Protein backbone atom coordinates (compact mmCIF):
# COMPACT_ATOMS: atom_id res chain seq x y z
CA UNK A 1 42.20 5.90 40.36
CA UNK A 2 40.19 2.75 41.28
CA UNK A 3 37.79 1.99 38.71
CA UNK A 4 34.24 1.54 39.75
CA UNK A 5 31.65 -0.76 38.37
CA UNK A 6 28.61 1.82 39.29
CA UNK A 7 28.20 5.48 39.97
CA UNK A 8 28.64 5.77 43.69
CA UNK A 9 24.95 7.26 44.13
CA UNK A 10 26.41 9.81 46.71
CA UNK A 11 29.61 10.49 48.45
CA UNK A 12 31.60 12.97 46.56
CA UNK A 13 28.69 13.66 43.88
CA UNK A 14 26.80 15.73 46.36
CA UNK A 15 29.57 18.36 45.80
CA UNK A 16 29.29 17.58 42.25
CA UNK A 17 25.82 18.74 42.89
CA UNK A 18 26.63 22.13 44.34
CA UNK A 19 29.16 23.00 41.77
CA UNK A 20 26.49 22.46 39.00
CA UNK A 21 23.99 24.70 41.16
CA UNK A 22 26.63 27.53 41.37
CA UNK A 23 27.30 27.12 37.77
CA UNK A 24 23.71 26.83 36.35
CA UNK A 25 23.32 30.35 38.40
CA UNK A 26 26.74 32.09 36.95
CA UNK A 27 25.93 30.62 33.45
CA UNK A 28 21.83 30.67 32.74
CA UNK A 29 21.46 32.96 35.85
CA UNK A 30 23.52 35.87 34.54
CA UNK A 31 21.80 35.46 30.97
CA UNK A 32 18.56 35.61 32.26
CA UNK A 33 19.69 38.77 34.26
CA UNK A 34 21.60 40.61 31.19
CA UNK A 35 18.64 42.46 30.05
CA UNK A 36 19.38 45.02 33.06
CA UNK A 37 22.46 46.06 30.96
CA UNK A 38 20.39 46.19 27.82
CA UNK A 39 19.05 49.92 28.59
CA UNK A 40 22.43 50.95 29.62
CA UNK A 41 24.11 49.70 26.15
CA UNK A 42 21.32 51.35 24.05
CA UNK A 43 21.90 54.41 25.72
CA UNK A 44 25.81 54.22 25.69
CA UNK A 45 26.08 53.25 22.20
CA UNK A 46 23.20 55.21 20.37
CA UNK A 47 22.32 51.88 18.76
CA UNK A 48 18.79 50.40 17.99
CA UNK A 49 17.43 47.58 20.51
CA UNK A 50 17.27 45.22 17.54
CA UNK A 51 21.38 45.69 17.61
CA UNK A 52 21.85 45.74 21.00
CA UNK A 53 19.79 42.22 21.61
CA UNK A 54 22.23 40.46 19.42
CA UNK A 55 24.95 40.07 22.23
CA UNK A 56 22.84 38.08 24.39
CA UNK A 57 21.65 36.05 21.33
CA UNK A 58 25.30 35.49 20.63
CA UNK A 59 26.44 34.36 23.78
CA UNK A 60 23.51 31.81 23.53
CA UNK A 61 23.97 30.46 20.44
CA UNK A 62 27.97 30.08 21.05
CA UNK A 63 27.11 27.97 24.59
CA UNK A 64 24.91 25.98 22.73
CA UNK A 65 26.53 25.03 19.63
CA UNK A 66 29.93 24.85 21.45
CA UNK A 67 28.81 22.09 24.13
CA UNK A 68 30.02 19.27 22.03
CA UNK A 69 33.62 20.63 21.91
CA UNK A 70 33.08 20.97 26.01
CA UNK A 71 32.08 17.34 25.96
CA UNK A 72 34.89 16.30 23.37
CA UNK A 73 37.53 17.95 25.76
CA UNK A 74 36.07 16.57 28.74
CA UNK A 75 36.01 13.22 27.36
CA UNK A 76 39.72 13.58 26.54
CA UNK A 77 41.06 15.56 29.17
CA UNK A 78 38.45 15.35 32.09
CA UNK A 79 35.78 17.62 33.11
CA UNK A 80 37.75 19.56 35.67
CA UNK A 81 40.99 21.30 33.42
CA UNK A 82 37.97 21.89 31.05
CA UNK A 83 35.34 23.97 33.17
CA UNK A 84 38.11 25.72 34.76
CA UNK A 85 39.45 26.90 31.77
CA UNK A 86 35.72 28.03 30.82
CA UNK A 87 35.43 29.76 33.78
CA UNK A 88 38.47 31.92 32.92
CA UNK A 89 37.09 32.43 29.46
CA UNK A 90 33.79 33.66 30.93
CA UNK A 91 35.26 36.10 33.27
CA UNK A 92 37.96 37.40 31.05
CA UNK A 93 35.08 37.90 28.37
CA UNK A 94 33.14 40.00 30.78
CA UNK A 95 36.33 42.08 31.75
CA UNK A 96 36.97 43.27 28.12
CA UNK A 97 33.51 44.14 27.83
CA UNK A 98 33.79 46.65 30.60
CA UNK A 99 36.50 48.82 28.13
CA UNK A 100 34.09 48.44 24.87
CA UNK A 101 33.80 51.35 22.61
CA UNK A 102 31.20 49.71 20.50
CA UNK A 103 28.72 46.83 19.93
CA UNK A 104 31.30 44.75 18.19
CA UNK A 105 33.66 44.91 21.18
CA UNK A 106 30.33 43.57 22.97
CA UNK A 107 29.64 40.94 20.20
CA UNK A 108 33.33 39.55 20.56
CA UNK A 109 33.60 39.84 24.44
CA UNK A 110 30.29 38.65 25.80
CA UNK A 111 29.06 36.93 23.06
CA UNK A 112 32.13 35.21 21.93
CA UNK A 113 34.09 35.25 24.55
CA UNK A 114 32.36 34.68 27.42
CA UNK A 115 29.80 32.39 25.35
CA UNK A 116 32.71 30.09 24.94
CA UNK A 117 33.61 29.84 28.28
CA UNK A 118 29.77 29.07 29.14
CA UNK A 119 30.08 26.25 26.65
CA UNK A 120 33.16 24.99 28.75
CA UNK A 121 31.18 24.59 31.75
CA UNK A 122 27.62 24.00 31.82
CA UNK A 123 27.39 20.61 29.69
CA UNK A 124 30.84 18.96 31.05
CA UNK A 125 29.39 19.59 34.88
CA UNK A 126 25.98 17.98 34.36
CA UNK A 127 27.68 15.02 32.25
CA UNK A 128 29.84 14.45 35.01
CA UNK A 129 26.70 14.36 37.73
CA UNK A 130 25.35 11.97 35.85
CA UNK A 131 28.30 9.72 36.22
CA UNK A 132 28.15 10.26 39.98
CA UNK A 133 24.28 9.07 40.07
CA UNK A 134 21.89 6.48 39.18
CA UNK A 135 19.49 5.63 41.24
CA UNK A 136 19.00 9.44 42.33
CA UNK A 137 20.08 11.16 39.45
CA UNK A 138 17.04 12.95 38.87
CA UNK A 139 16.96 14.17 42.46
CA UNK A 140 20.54 15.36 41.72
CA UNK A 141 19.54 17.14 38.35
CA UNK A 142 16.53 18.83 40.06
CA UNK A 143 18.69 20.25 43.05
CA UNK A 144 21.37 21.16 40.47
CA UNK A 145 19.10 23.19 38.14
CA UNK A 146 17.27 25.11 40.90
CA UNK A 147 20.44 27.41 40.65
CA UNK A 148 18.92 28.93 37.67
CA UNK A 149 15.81 30.05 39.04
CA UNK A 150 17.13 31.34 42.28
CA UNK A 151 19.89 33.21 40.65
CA UNK A 152 17.10 34.93 38.43
CA UNK A 153 15.40 36.40 41.44
CA UNK A 154 19.24 37.64 43.14
CA UNK A 155 20.75 39.08 40.03
CA UNK A 156 18.51 41.12 38.33
CA UNK A 157 18.45 43.47 41.57
CA UNK A 158 21.84 43.00 42.18
CA UNK A 159 22.76 44.35 38.56
CA UNK A 160 20.55 47.14 39.01
CA UNK A 161 22.63 48.12 42.27
CA UNK A 162 25.90 47.55 40.77
CA UNK A 163 24.85 49.57 37.76
CA UNK A 164 23.54 52.65 39.83
CA UNK A 165 26.54 52.68 41.96
CA UNK A 166 29.30 51.81 39.72
CA UNK A 167 27.97 52.43 36.41
CA UNK A 168 27.61 49.86 33.73
CA UNK A 169 31.46 49.60 33.24
CA UNK A 170 32.10 48.86 36.83
CA UNK A 171 29.44 46.61 37.17
CA UNK A 172 30.65 44.52 34.39
CA UNK A 173 34.24 44.20 36.01
CA UNK A 174 32.19 43.10 39.30
CA UNK A 175 30.44 40.26 37.16
CA UNK A 176 33.57 39.53 35.83
CA UNK A 177 35.09 38.66 39.72
CA UNK A 178 31.78 36.74 39.91
CA UNK A 179 32.19 34.38 36.75
CA UNK A 180 35.68 33.66 38.17
CA UNK A 181 34.09 31.66 40.73
CA UNK A 182 33.42 29.28 37.81
CA UNK A 183 37.02 28.02 38.45
CA UNK A 184 36.48 27.08 41.89
CA UNK A 185 33.21 25.08 40.65
CA UNK A 186 35.45 23.06 37.90
CA UNK A 187 38.03 22.28 40.84
CA UNK A 188 35.23 20.76 42.65
CA UNK A 189 34.63 18.06 39.98
CA UNK A 190 36.98 15.15 40.82
CA UNK A 191 37.17 12.72 37.85
CA UNK A 192 35.33 9.25 38.10
CA UNK A 193 36.64 6.58 36.28
CA UNK A 194 33.92 3.28 35.51
CA UNK A 195 34.30 0.03 34.16
CA UNK A 196 31.82 1.02 31.19
CA UNK A 197 34.28 3.69 30.04
CA UNK A 198 37.05 1.29 28.59
CA UNK A 199 33.93 0.10 25.96
CA UNK A 200 32.98 3.27 24.54
CA UNK A 201 36.01 4.55 22.56
CA UNK A 202 37.24 7.66 22.07
CA UNK A 203 35.06 10.89 21.30
CA UNK A 204 34.88 10.20 17.21
CA UNK A 205 33.91 6.50 17.29
CA UNK A 206 31.19 7.74 20.40
CA UNK A 207 29.89 10.28 17.85
CA UNK A 208 29.50 8.33 15.04
CA UNK A 209 27.65 5.51 17.10
CA UNK A 210 25.44 7.92 18.76
CA UNK A 211 24.34 9.32 15.47
CA UNK A 212 23.44 5.79 14.06
CA UNK A 213 21.64 5.10 17.17
CA UNK A 214 18.07 5.24 16.21
CA UNK A 215 16.45 5.50 20.19
CA UNK A 216 19.13 8.45 20.63
CA UNK A 217 18.13 10.09 17.73
CA UNK A 218 14.58 10.11 18.20
CA UNK A 219 15.01 11.43 21.68
CA UNK A 220 17.07 14.28 20.28
CA UNK A 221 13.85 15.12 18.03
CA UNK A 222 11.37 15.13 20.52
CA UNK A 223 13.92 17.73 22.73
CA UNK A 224 14.33 20.00 19.65
CA UNK A 225 10.22 19.89 19.24
CA UNK A 226 10.09 20.37 22.90
CA UNK A 227 12.26 23.26 22.89
CA UNK A 228 10.92 25.07 20.17
CA UNK A 229 7.69 26.02 22.21
CA UNK A 230 8.95 25.65 25.33
CA UNK A 231 10.41 29.34 25.95
CA UNK A 232 7.16 31.38 24.24
CA UNK A 233 5.52 32.35 27.44
CA UNK A 234 8.95 33.91 28.77
CA UNK A 235 9.20 35.80 25.76
CA UNK A 236 5.45 36.73 24.57
CA UNK A 237 3.34 36.26 27.61
CA UNK A 238 3.54 39.75 29.15
CA UNK A 239 2.88 41.30 25.62
CA UNK A 240 -0.40 38.82 25.22
CA UNK A 241 -1.48 39.95 28.98
CA UNK A 242 -1.22 43.47 27.93
CA UNK A 243 -2.99 42.89 24.35
CA UNK A 244 -5.61 41.75 27.12
CA UNK A 245 -5.55 45.04 28.91
CA UNK A 246 -3.60 43.97 31.54
CA UNK A 247 -1.32 46.72 32.92
CA UNK A 248 2.67 46.14 32.93
CA UNK A 249 3.47 45.24 36.57
CA UNK A 250 0.81 42.97 37.29
CA UNK A 251 1.66 41.29 33.77
CA UNK A 252 5.38 41.18 34.76
CA UNK A 253 4.13 39.71 38.10
CA UNK A 254 2.44 36.71 36.39
CA UNK A 255 5.63 35.69 34.93
CA UNK A 256 7.27 35.91 38.36
CA UNK A 257 4.55 33.68 39.84
CA UNK A 258 5.50 31.17 37.09
CA UNK A 259 9.29 31.01 37.81
CA UNK A 260 8.50 30.13 41.69
CA UNK A 261 6.44 27.42 40.40
CA UNK A 262 9.35 26.52 38.15
CA UNK A 263 11.46 26.11 41.06
CA UNK A 264 9.01 24.09 43.12
CA UNK A 265 8.42 21.75 39.83
CA UNK A 266 12.30 21.11 39.68
CA UNK A 267 12.72 19.91 42.77
CA UNK A 268 9.54 17.83 43.00
CA UNK A 269 9.87 16.64 39.28
CA UNK A 270 13.60 15.28 40.33
CA UNK A 271 12.48 13.24 43.46
CA UNK A 272 9.63 11.86 41.63
CA UNK A 273 11.72 10.72 38.70
CA UNK A 274 13.61 8.47 41.16
CA UNK A 275 10.60 7.29 43.49
CA UNK A 276 8.27 6.25 40.62
CA UNK A 277 8.56 2.89 38.87
CA UNK A 278 9.00 2.63 35.14
CA UNK A 279 10.93 4.13 32.81
CA UNK A 280 12.02 7.87 32.96
CA UNK A 281 11.05 9.17 30.10
CA UNK A 282 7.25 8.27 30.68
CA UNK A 283 7.27 10.54 33.67
CA UNK A 284 9.02 13.27 31.02
CA UNK A 285 6.26 12.45 28.54
CA UNK A 286 3.72 13.38 31.03
CA UNK A 287 5.28 16.96 32.21
CA UNK A 288 5.57 17.49 28.16
CA UNK A 289 2.39 17.33 27.53
CA UNK A 290 0.68 19.29 30.82
CA UNK A 291 3.12 21.97 29.52
CA UNK A 292 1.92 21.73 25.60
CA UNK A 293 -1.80 21.89 27.13
CA UNK A 294 -1.41 24.66 29.28
CA UNK A 295 0.07 26.73 26.30
CA UNK A 296 -2.86 25.70 24.13
CA UNK A 297 -5.14 26.99 26.69
CA UNK A 298 -2.91 30.43 27.35
CA UNK A 299 -5.22 32.22 24.54
CA UNK A 300 -8.46 30.56 25.42
CA UNK A 301 -8.33 31.97 29.02
CA UNK A 302 -9.60 35.48 29.84
CA UNK A 303 -10.46 35.72 33.40
CA UNK A 304 -7.23 36.73 35.69
CA UNK A 305 -8.05 33.81 38.28
CA UNK A 306 -7.79 31.28 35.04
CA UNK A 307 -4.64 32.94 33.81
CA UNK A 308 -2.72 32.71 37.07
CA UNK A 309 -3.79 28.94 37.69
CA UNK A 310 -2.51 28.27 34.09
CA UNK A 311 0.67 30.50 34.58
CA UNK A 312 1.43 28.15 37.79
CA UNK A 313 0.36 25.36 35.98
CA UNK A 314 2.71 25.91 33.05
CA UNK A 315 5.59 26.98 35.80
CA UNK A 316 5.35 23.88 37.72
CA UNK A 317 5.50 21.46 34.54
CA UNK A 318 8.05 23.19 32.41
CA UNK A 319 10.42 23.27 35.50
CA UNK A 320 9.51 19.63 36.16
CA UNK A 321 10.43 18.51 32.73
CA UNK A 322 14.13 19.76 32.72
CA UNK A 323 15.62 17.34 34.98
CA UNK A 324 14.13 14.41 33.86
CA UNK A 325 14.90 15.43 30.16
CA UNK A 326 18.98 15.42 31.43
CA UNK A 327 18.02 12.34 33.37
CA UNK A 328 16.92 10.41 30.44
CA UNK A 329 20.11 10.59 28.14
CA UNK A 330 22.59 8.51 30.39
CA UNK A 331 20.05 5.71 29.92
CA UNK A 332 20.03 5.89 26.59
CA UNK A 333 23.53 6.54 25.94
CA UNK A 334 25.15 5.04 29.11
CA UNK A 335 27.46 6.67 31.42
CA UNK A 336 30.46 6.30 29.58
CA UNK A 337 29.32 8.23 26.43
CA UNK A 338 27.28 11.07 28.59
CA UNK A 339 29.77 13.77 27.81
CA UNK A 340 29.34 13.37 24.05
CA UNK A 341 25.58 12.34 24.32
CA UNK A 342 24.96 15.49 26.30
CA UNK A 343 26.77 17.96 24.16
CA UNK A 344 25.25 16.55 20.70
CA UNK A 345 21.81 16.98 22.28
CA UNK A 346 22.24 20.52 23.98
CA UNK A 347 23.81 21.58 20.26
CA UNK A 348 21.02 20.09 18.20
CA UNK A 349 18.06 20.84 20.40
CA UNK A 350 19.30 24.82 20.16
CA UNK A 351 17.74 24.95 16.71
CA UNK A 352 14.66 24.76 18.21
CA UNK A 353 14.93 27.08 20.75
CA UNK A 354 16.57 29.96 18.36
CA UNK A 355 13.58 29.01 15.91
CA UNK A 356 10.78 29.23 18.52
CA UNK A 357 10.52 32.99 19.39
CA UNK A 358 11.10 34.61 15.81
CA UNK A 359 8.32 31.92 14.72
CA UNK A 360 5.75 33.18 17.40
CA UNK A 361 6.73 36.58 16.61
CA UNK A 362 5.88 35.99 13.07
CA UNK A 363 2.61 34.49 13.77
CA UNK A 364 1.82 37.27 15.93
CA UNK A 365 2.57 39.83 13.23
CA UNK A 366 0.42 37.95 10.56
CA UNK A 367 -2.63 37.67 12.54
CA UNK A 368 -2.50 40.14 15.08
CA UNK A 369 -2.99 38.47 18.37
CA UNK A 370 -0.78 35.47 20.32
CA UNK A 371 -3.44 33.21 19.94
CA UNK A 372 -2.02 31.14 17.03
CA UNK A 373 1.48 31.50 18.41
CA UNK A 374 0.47 29.69 21.89
CA UNK A 375 -1.36 27.37 20.01
CA UNK A 376 1.43 26.40 17.51
CA UNK A 377 3.92 26.37 20.51
CA UNK A 378 1.73 23.82 22.63
CA UNK A 379 1.24 21.74 19.28
CA UNK A 380 5.26 21.41 19.27
CA UNK A 381 5.28 20.31 22.86
CA UNK A 382 2.50 17.97 22.32
CA UNK A 383 4.57 16.20 19.10
CA UNK A 384 7.61 15.75 21.31
CA UNK A 385 5.83 13.62 23.45
CA UNK A 386 4.54 11.85 20.80
CA UNK A 387 8.21 11.04 19.81
CA UNK A 388 8.89 10.21 23.16
CA UNK A 389 6.59 7.10 23.22
CA UNK A 390 8.47 5.68 20.77
CA UNK A 391 11.66 4.86 22.83
CA UNK A 392 12.50 1.40 23.41
CA UNK A 393 10.37 -0.19 26.62
CA UNK A 394 8.33 3.21 26.93
CA UNK A 395 5.42 1.01 27.71
CA UNK A 396 6.78 -1.46 29.81
CA UNK A 397 5.71 -1.88 33.71
CA UNK A 398 9.14 -2.26 35.36
CA UNK A 399 12.64 -1.84 33.88
CA UNK A 400 15.50 -4.10 34.96
CA UNK A 401 18.22 -1.94 36.00
CA UNK A 402 19.48 1.23 36.17
CA UNK A 403 22.35 1.54 33.80
CA UNK A 404 22.62 0.34 30.23
CA UNK A 405 24.51 -2.54 29.57
CA UNK A 406 28.16 -2.48 28.34
CA UNK A 407 27.65 -3.11 24.82
CA UNK A 408 26.47 -0.29 22.17
CA UNK A 409 22.91 -1.56 21.10
CA UNK A 410 19.95 -0.39 22.89
CA UNK A 411 18.26 -1.87 25.56
CA UNK A 412 15.51 -0.61 27.80
CA UNK A 413 14.90 3.03 29.36
CA UNK A 414 15.72 1.87 32.77
CA UNK A 415 14.73 3.22 35.81
CA UNK A 416 15.52 3.22 39.66
CA UNK A 417 15.48 -0.56 41.04
CA UNK A 418 17.22 -1.07 44.07
CA UNK A 419 20.42 -3.03 43.39
CA UNK A 420 22.51 -5.14 46.37
CA UNK A 421 24.82 -2.77 47.98
CA UNK A 422 28.24 -3.57 47.77
CA UNK A 423 30.38 -3.07 49.95
CA UNK A 424 32.02 0.71 49.98
CA UNK A 425 29.59 1.32 47.31
CA UNK A 426 28.22 5.23 47.87
CA UNK A 427 30.95 6.09 50.14
CA UNK A 428 33.78 8.69 48.86
């Protein structure tokens, strides 16, 4: 394979974007919509809701904590065989779950087996996408991650219809068949060899250098703080509105409004991340600050109009920070170390995601309402914004290039400055 000096910024990269779009739908879209099966599992196994809730929780934990394994394997073998193997595991877990006779079987099949498959698919695909783009990386990320929101709308009613037609066991069989499309997505991940790859070493040396990399460690800390408060509205906003006297249906509709705004924010932020001069981390800090402020204001707002405005604001800004958060990583660690870097970030930041909702629930139990819960969640995001300002060259006006230098030292948080187009660059 010919070795490129720079990412092609297009060409086959758009097929990788399509692959990432479908994969984000088949991983996180399925996870977000899995609550449809929740009631069926409670009735079928006559278990408490808390025990049934562990099915999805185990799957999410395995996906996030297993991300470094998928990244290391992709560094060694390439993303294509790793992602295709993950698709098989994800489908096999759903297939075996359809024959479950106890919750333990579901913990092992959906939680452990499908979770392992998801760990081998999502992170390696986003890392592969980062290697194909430089100047249009944020836009590519934004388009790829819209699959999460769109599938959340489509899968919930689809899964409910499948359950009503084929019962939950038959529905899981069809979800298993749907998950097999992850194999086709993996087949689209054509390996890309870059000049920088020769200077980064193997997975072990990359991991060691990343843990000694001050800006990378600070960025990981910032994302962990952001992740702690990020998901609180999705977990507790409906309950907070019901405490204010809202009916369940309008409260759930407000969350759908935030989800629609989330989709718009992802695409808009992806475009802005490539168009606005200066470090991309600066744009991430802006979206994170606005998201934190909206969370702090939620318990203060009382009128329906104000709450709708805050929901739209939260949805847009929380969606907008996602693509640029992934775009900053290759600029910090370089495209050669993107597999290990992205996997390590996802593993560590998952700690915040796992602790955020229980902490919010605990504060609600102690205080009797969600006022402190939302304010603390917003404080975590604002703290993450503060950490982002410590990254190199954050306050510089213009960065000098689009990719990190070949050495392992930290240079600037580069942004998209057009480079002279080399012959054949951007063509497949």
